């Protein structure tokens, strides 16, 4: 059956489509450029009715370039290590931090991280909760450690936290070196892992999962924190990861740096970090 052509009705449909596309594009920009590591703090995803791909597919190639231009300047200069990081033993020196960064995949630093230090600047000054060890500020691409919290924490764990925060600059919303298809692939894989009984668990993740289940924490931020935790564990002690988590991180490490010698770099990190056993992985129930 053919429908009769109604110009007024057709115009209304087109206006609705333009309005809906614009709304979704604004949402995409909010997701990618929001104040809290790329995510708008008031945004919560409905895991059953909403697909991240719906947003990403609406952003055409030209717009993607504009959204990613904020990282361009970071390619031209090395990461600035502004200060040592205190711990409950001895400080992690600037020299040690630089050596540690040199063991990470090349593209995880270039374009993604501007500086590491303990002093908040400008609008960052209200961004680090008193209890937090460190925060990645997405808009400035800076990692800031809370010196009061850091000096009560183990040296090895503070080094572990560097990798966690760097992973926030290399996830499915913030990484400047992966395609849009790779972003969605990573997001989907992380979502699948969060639904698995053998997913990686730390005290931090267990607490966030509780918040997610009671509706006070979104699925996208939860997947981002899961990614940061498994990346940090990959860099510190990958033997504690399920093979699926190890392979997921390793796949994106190799996509980013095809010549990355992960076993050698793991040994180099161990010399700086010392013998490390994550104190926040829950012990298995008997």
Protein backbone atom coordinates (compact mmCIF):
# COMPACT_ATOMS: atom_id res chain seq x y z
CA UNK A 1 0.00 0.00 0.00
CA UNK A 2 1.35 3.46 -0.92
CA UNK A 3 0.80 6.43 1.36
CA UNK A 4 -0.20 9.78 -0.09
CA UNK A 5 2.47 12.49 0.08
CA UNK A 6 1.78 15.17 2.68
CA UNK A 7 4.33 18.06 2.47
CA UNK A 8 3.53 19.42 5.93
CA UNK A 9 3.84 16.00 7.53
CA UNK A 10 7.11 15.30 5.67
CA UNK A 11 8.60 18.61 6.84
CA UNK A 12 7.63 17.82 10.43
CA UNK A 13 9.36 14.43 10.20
CA UNK A 14 12.56 16.01 8.87
CA UNK A 15 12.61 18.64 11.63
CA UNK A 16 12.15 15.91 14.21
CA UNK A 17 15.05 13.93 12.72
CA UNK A 18 17.35 16.98 12.73
CA UNK A 19 16.38 17.77 16.33
CA UNK A 20 16.98 14.18 17.45
CA UNK A 21 20.36 14.00 15.66
CA UNK A 22 21.46 17.28 17.25
CA UNK A 23 20.38 16.08 20.69
CA UNK A 24 22.39 12.88 20.32
CA UNK A 25 25.42 14.73 18.98
CA UNK A 26 25.40 17.03 22.02
CA UNK A 27 25.21 13.94 24.21
CA UNK A 28 28.21 12.46 22.37
CA UNK A 29 30.19 15.64 22.94
CA UNK A 30 29.23 15.59 26.60
CA UNK A 31 30.41 11.99 26.90
CA UNK A 32 33.74 12.69 25.24
CA UNK A 33 34.52 16.11 26.65
CA UNK A 34 32.79 16.08 30.05
CA UNK A 35 34.56 17.31 33.16
CA UNK A 36 35.00 13.96 34.86
CA UNK A 37 37.52 11.94 32.81
CA UNK A 38 35.46 12.55 29.69
CA UNK A 39 32.11 11.68 31.22
CA UNK A 40 29.45 14.16 32.28
CA UNK A 41 28.95 13.61 36.04
CA UNK A 42 25.14 13.72 35.73
CA UNK A 43 24.95 11.24 32.86
CA UNK A 44 23.68 7.73 33.65
CA UNK A 45 23.19 5.05 31.03
CA UNK A 46 20.23 2.71 31.00
CA UNK A 47 22.07 -0.57 30.27
CA UNK A 48 19.02 -2.24 28.72
CA UNK A 49 17.72 0.51 26.43
CA UNK A 50 20.75 2.49 25.40
CA UNK A 51 23.72 1.62 23.18
CA UNK A 52 26.90 3.70 23.15
CA UNK A 53 27.19 2.83 19.46
CA UNK A 54 24.03 4.85 18.76
CA UNK A 55 25.89 7.96 19.89
CA UNK A 56 29.25 7.20 18.29
CA UNK A 57 27.78 6.30 14.90
CA UNK A 58 26.10 9.72 14.67
CA UNK A 59 29.41 11.57 14.87
CA UNK A 60 30.81 11.83 11.34
CA UNK A 61 34.51 11.82 10.45
CA UNK A 62 34.91 15.62 10.47
CA UNK A 63 33.27 15.96 13.87
CA UNK A 64 35.41 13.15 15.29
CA UNK A 65 38.53 15.06 14.28
CA UNK A 66 37.26 18.13 16.12
CA UNK A 67 36.47 16.10 19.23
CA UNK A 68 39.94 14.55 19.28
CA UNK A 69 41.90 17.72 18.51
CA UNK A 70 42.14 18.49 22.24
CA UNK A 71 44.89 15.86 22.46
CA UNK A 72 46.97 17.11 19.50
CA UNK A 73 49.29 19.38 21.48
CA UNK A 74 50.23 16.55 23.82
CA UNK A 75 52.13 14.80 20.99
CA UNK A 76 54.59 17.65 20.73
CA UNK A 77 55.97 17.53 24.27
CA UNK A 78 56.91 14.84 26.80
CA UNK A 79 54.92 14.23 29.96
CA UNK A 80 55.84 16.72 32.65
CA UNK A 81 56.60 14.99 35.98
CA UNK A 82 56.11 17.91 38.34
CA UNK A 83 56.96 16.36 41.70
CA UNK A 84 57.80 13.21 43.58
CA UNK A 85 54.94 11.12 45.02
CA UNK A 86 55.02 10.44 48.77
CA UNK A 87 54.36 7.00 50.27
CA UNK A 88 54.44 5.36 53.70
CA UNK A 89 58.02 4.19 53.05
CA UNK A 90 60.03 6.57 50.86
CA UNK A 91 59.00 9.01 48.17
CA UNK A 92 58.72 7.86 44.56
CA UNK A 93 61.20 10.24 42.95
CA UNK A 94 60.73 12.18 39.71
CA UNK A 95 63.45 10.05 38.13
CA UNK A 96 61.67 6.81 39.15
CA UNK A 97 58.34 8.06 37.77
CA UNK A 98 59.98 8.88 34.43
CA UNK A 99 61.61 5.44 34.30
CA UNK A 100 58.25 3.86 35.10
CA UNK A 101 56.48 5.81 32.35
CA UNK A 102 59.14 4.64 29.88
CA UNK A 103 58.07 1.02 30.51
CA UNK A 104 54.47 1.65 29.41
CA UNK A 105 53.17 1.32 25.82
CA UNK A 106 54.39 4.29 23.77
CA UNK A 107 50.94 5.52 22.75
CA UNK A 108 49.54 5.31 26.29
CA UNK A 109 51.59 8.37 27.20
CA UNK A 110 51.89 10.35 23.95
CA UNK A 111 48.68 12.27 23.19
CA UNK A 112 46.99 11.09 26.37
CA UNK A 113 48.85 12.41 29.45
CA UNK A 114 50.18 15.93 29.94
CA UNK A 115 51.60 15.82 33.46
CA UNK A 116 51.78 14.03 36.80
CA UNK A 117 52.10 15.73 40.17
CA UNK A 118 50.55 16.51 43.53
CA UNK A 119 49.40 20.10 43.00
CA UNK A 120 45.94 20.81 41.62
CA UNK A 121 45.63 23.75 39.26
CA UNK A 122 42.77 26.02 38.26
CA UNK A 123 39.41 24.24 38.15
CA UNK A 124 41.01 20.97 39.31
CA UNK A 125 41.17 22.19 42.90
CA UNK A 126 37.69 20.93 43.69
CA UNK A 127 38.08 17.69 41.74
CA UNK A 128 39.93 15.37 44.14
CA UNK A 129 37.92 13.98 47.07
CA UNK A 130 39.77 13.94 50.39
CA UNK A 131 39.73 10.12 50.45
CA UNK A 132 41.02 9.66 46.90
CA UNK A 133 44.59 8.57 46.18
CA UNK A 134 44.76 10.06 42.68
CA UNK A 135 42.53 11.44 39.92
CA UNK A 136 42.88 11.75 36.14
CA UNK A 137 41.56 15.15 35.04
CA UNK A 138 40.31 14.57 31.50
CA UNK A 139 40.13 18.19 30.37
CA UNK A 140 43.73 19.00 31.34
CA UNK A 141 45.04 15.43 30.83
CA UNK A 142 46.74 15.68 34.23
CA UNK A 143 47.16 13.00 36.89
CA UNK A 144 47.06 14.49 40.37
CA UNK A 145 47.93 12.54 43.53
CA UNK A 146 46.54 13.53 46.91
CA UNK A 147 49.76 13.83 48.98
CA UNK A 148 47.95 13.30 52.31
CA UNK A 149 46.44 10.02 51.12
CA UNK A 150 49.55 8.95 49.20
CA UNK A 151 51.85 9.18 52.21
CA UNK A 152 49.69 6.66 54.10
CA UNK A 153 49.69 4.20 51.19
CA UNK A 154 52.25 1.55 50.22
CA UNK A 155 54.90 2.68 47.77
CA UNK A 156 54.20 -0.26 45.42
CA UNK A 157 50.49 0.52 45.39
CA UNK A 158 51.09 4.21 44.62
CA UNK A 159 53.11 3.15 41.58
CA UNK A 160 50.28 0.75 40.67
CA UNK A 161 47.89 3.73 40.86
CA UNK A 162 49.89 5.58 38.20
CA UNK A 163 48.95 2.84 35.72
CA UNK A 164 45.30 2.98 36.82
CA UNK A 165 45.09 6.71 36.13
CA UNK A 166 46.97 6.45 32.83
CA UNK A 167 44.45 3.80 31.74
CA UNK A 168 41.70 6.42 32.20
CA UNK A 169 43.39 8.37 29.40
CA UNK A 170 43.35 5.26 27.21
CA UNK A 171 39.84 3.88 27.38
CA UNK A 172 36.98 3.68 24.87
CA UNK A 173 36.12 7.36 25.28
CA UNK A 174 39.51 9.01 25.79
CA UNK A 175 42.10 7.10 23.72
CA UNK A 176 43.16 9.25 20.78
CA UNK A 177 44.76 6.36 18.90
CA UNK A 178 41.90 3.89 18.34
CA UNK A 179 39.11 3.86 15.78
CA UNK A 180 35.42 4.29 16.55
CA UNK A 181 34.83 0.60 15.86
CA UNK A 182 37.60 -0.28 18.33
CA UNK A 183 36.00 1.98 20.93
CA UNK A 184 32.72 0.15 20.71
CA UNK A 185 34.42 -3.25 20.62
CA UNK A 186 36.28 -2.42 23.85
CA UNK A 187 33.14 -1.09 25.53
CA UNK A 188 31.17 -4.19 24.59
CA UNK A 189 33.93 -6.54 25.79
CA UNK A 190 34.16 -4.75 29.13
CA UNK A 191 30.39 -4.92 29.52
CA UNK A 192 30.54 -8.67 28.88
CA UNK A 193 33.32 -9.11 31.43
CA UNK A 194 31.34 -7.24 34.08
CA UNK A 195 28.54 -9.78 33.64
CA UNK A 196 30.91 -12.74 34.05
CA UNK A 197 31.22 -14.66 37.30
CA UNK A 198 35.01 -14.80 36.81
CA UNK A 199 35.42 -11.03 36.36
CA UNK A 200 38.27 -9.26 38.11
CA UNK A 201 37.37 -8.05 41.59
CA UNK A 202 38.99 -5.52 43.87
CA UNK A 203 37.48 -3.92 46.95
CA UNK A 204 37.10 -0.74 44.89
CA UNK A 205 35.22 -2.49 42.06
CA UNK A 206 32.99 -4.42 44.45
CA UNK A 207 31.94 -1.12 46.06
CA UNK A 208 31.19 0.42 42.65
CA UNK A 209 29.17 -2.63 41.60
CA UNK A 210 27.05 -2.24 44.73
CA UNK A 211 26.39 1.40 43.78
CA UNK A 212 25.53 0.34 40.23
CA UNK A 213 23.01 -2.24 41.42
CA UNK A 214 21.28 0.27 43.71
CA UNK A 215 21.05 2.78 40.87
CA UNK A 216 23.55 5.38 42.11
CA UNK A 217 26.33 4.64 39.58
CA UNK A 218 26.16 4.33 35.80
CA UNK A 219 27.26 1.46 33.57
CA UNK A 220 29.68 3.53 31.47
CA UNK A 221 31.69 4.83 34.46
CA UNK A 222 31.69 1.31 35.91
CA UNK A 223 33.13 -0.13 32.68
CA UNK A 224 35.78 2.62 32.66
CA UNK A 225 36.83 1.81 36.21
CA UNK A 226 36.93 -1.91 35.40
CA UNK A 227 39.24 -1.13 32.47
CA UNK A 228 41.51 1.02 34.65
CA UNK A 229 41.74 -1.72 37.30
CA UNK A 230 42.59 -4.54 34.89
CA UNK A 231 45.11 -2.34 33.06
CA UNK A 232 46.87 -1.47 36.33
CA UNK A 233 46.94 -5.16 37.29
CA UNK A 234 48.34 -6.06 33.84
CA UNK A 235 51.19 -3.59 34.42
CA UNK A 236 51.89 -4.69 38.02
CA UNK A 237 51.12 -8.41 38.23
CA UNK A 238 49.17 -9.93 35.32
CA UNK A 239 49.15 -13.38 36.97
CA UNK A 240 46.21 -12.18 39.08
CA UNK A 241 44.04 -11.55 35.99
CA UNK A 242 41.63 -13.97 34.33
CA UNK A 243 42.94 -14.88 30.87
CA UNK A 244 40.03 -13.00 29.22
CA UNK A 245 40.98 -9.76 31.00
CA UNK A 246 44.68 -10.25 30.27
CA UNK A 247 44.02 -10.85 26.57
CA UNK A 248 41.72 -7.82 26.31
CA UNK A 249 44.30 -5.44 27.77
CA UNK A 250 47.13 -7.09 25.83
CA UNK A 251 45.22 -6.79 22.55
CA UNK A 252 44.87 -3.01 22.95
CA UNK A 253 48.44 -2.64 24.16
CA UNK A 254 49.71 -4.35 20.98
CA UNK A 255 47.30 -2.39 18.76
CA UNK A 256 48.78 0.74 20.28
CA UNK A 257 52.44 -0.32 20.26
CA UNK A 258 53.08 -3.29 17.97
CA UNK A 259 56.68 -3.74 19.15
CA UNK A 260 55.86 -3.65 22.86
CA UNK A 261 57.90 -6.28 24.76
CA UNK A 262 55.55 -6.77 27.69
CA UNK A 263 57.62 -9.37 29.58
CA UNK A 264 60.75 -7.20 29.50
CA UNK A 265 58.83 -4.07 30.50
CA UNK A 266 57.14 -5.98 33.35
CA UNK A 267 60.57 -6.85 34.74
CA UNK A 268 61.74 -3.24 34.44
CA UNK A 269 58.65 -2.03 36.31
CA UNK A 270 59.23 -4.62 39.05
CA UNK A 271 62.69 -3.15 39.69
CA UNK A 272 61.07 0.23 40.39
CA UNK A 273 57.91 -1.00 42.08
CA UNK A 274 59.36 -3.84 44.13
CA UNK A 275 57.57 -7.07 44.89
CA UNK A 276 53.89 -6.24 44.54
CA UNK A 277 50.79 -8.00 45.77
CA UNK A 278 47.62 -5.96 45.35
CA UNK A 279 46.32 -5.48 48.92
CA UNK A 280 42.80 -4.70 47.67
CA UNK A 281 41.98 -7.96 45.90
CA UNK A 282 39.47 -9.77 48.17
CA UNK A 283 40.68 -13.10 49.48
CA UNK A 284 38.75 -16.12 48.13
CA UNK A 285 35.96 -17.36 50.37
CA UNK A 286 36.64 -20.74 52.00
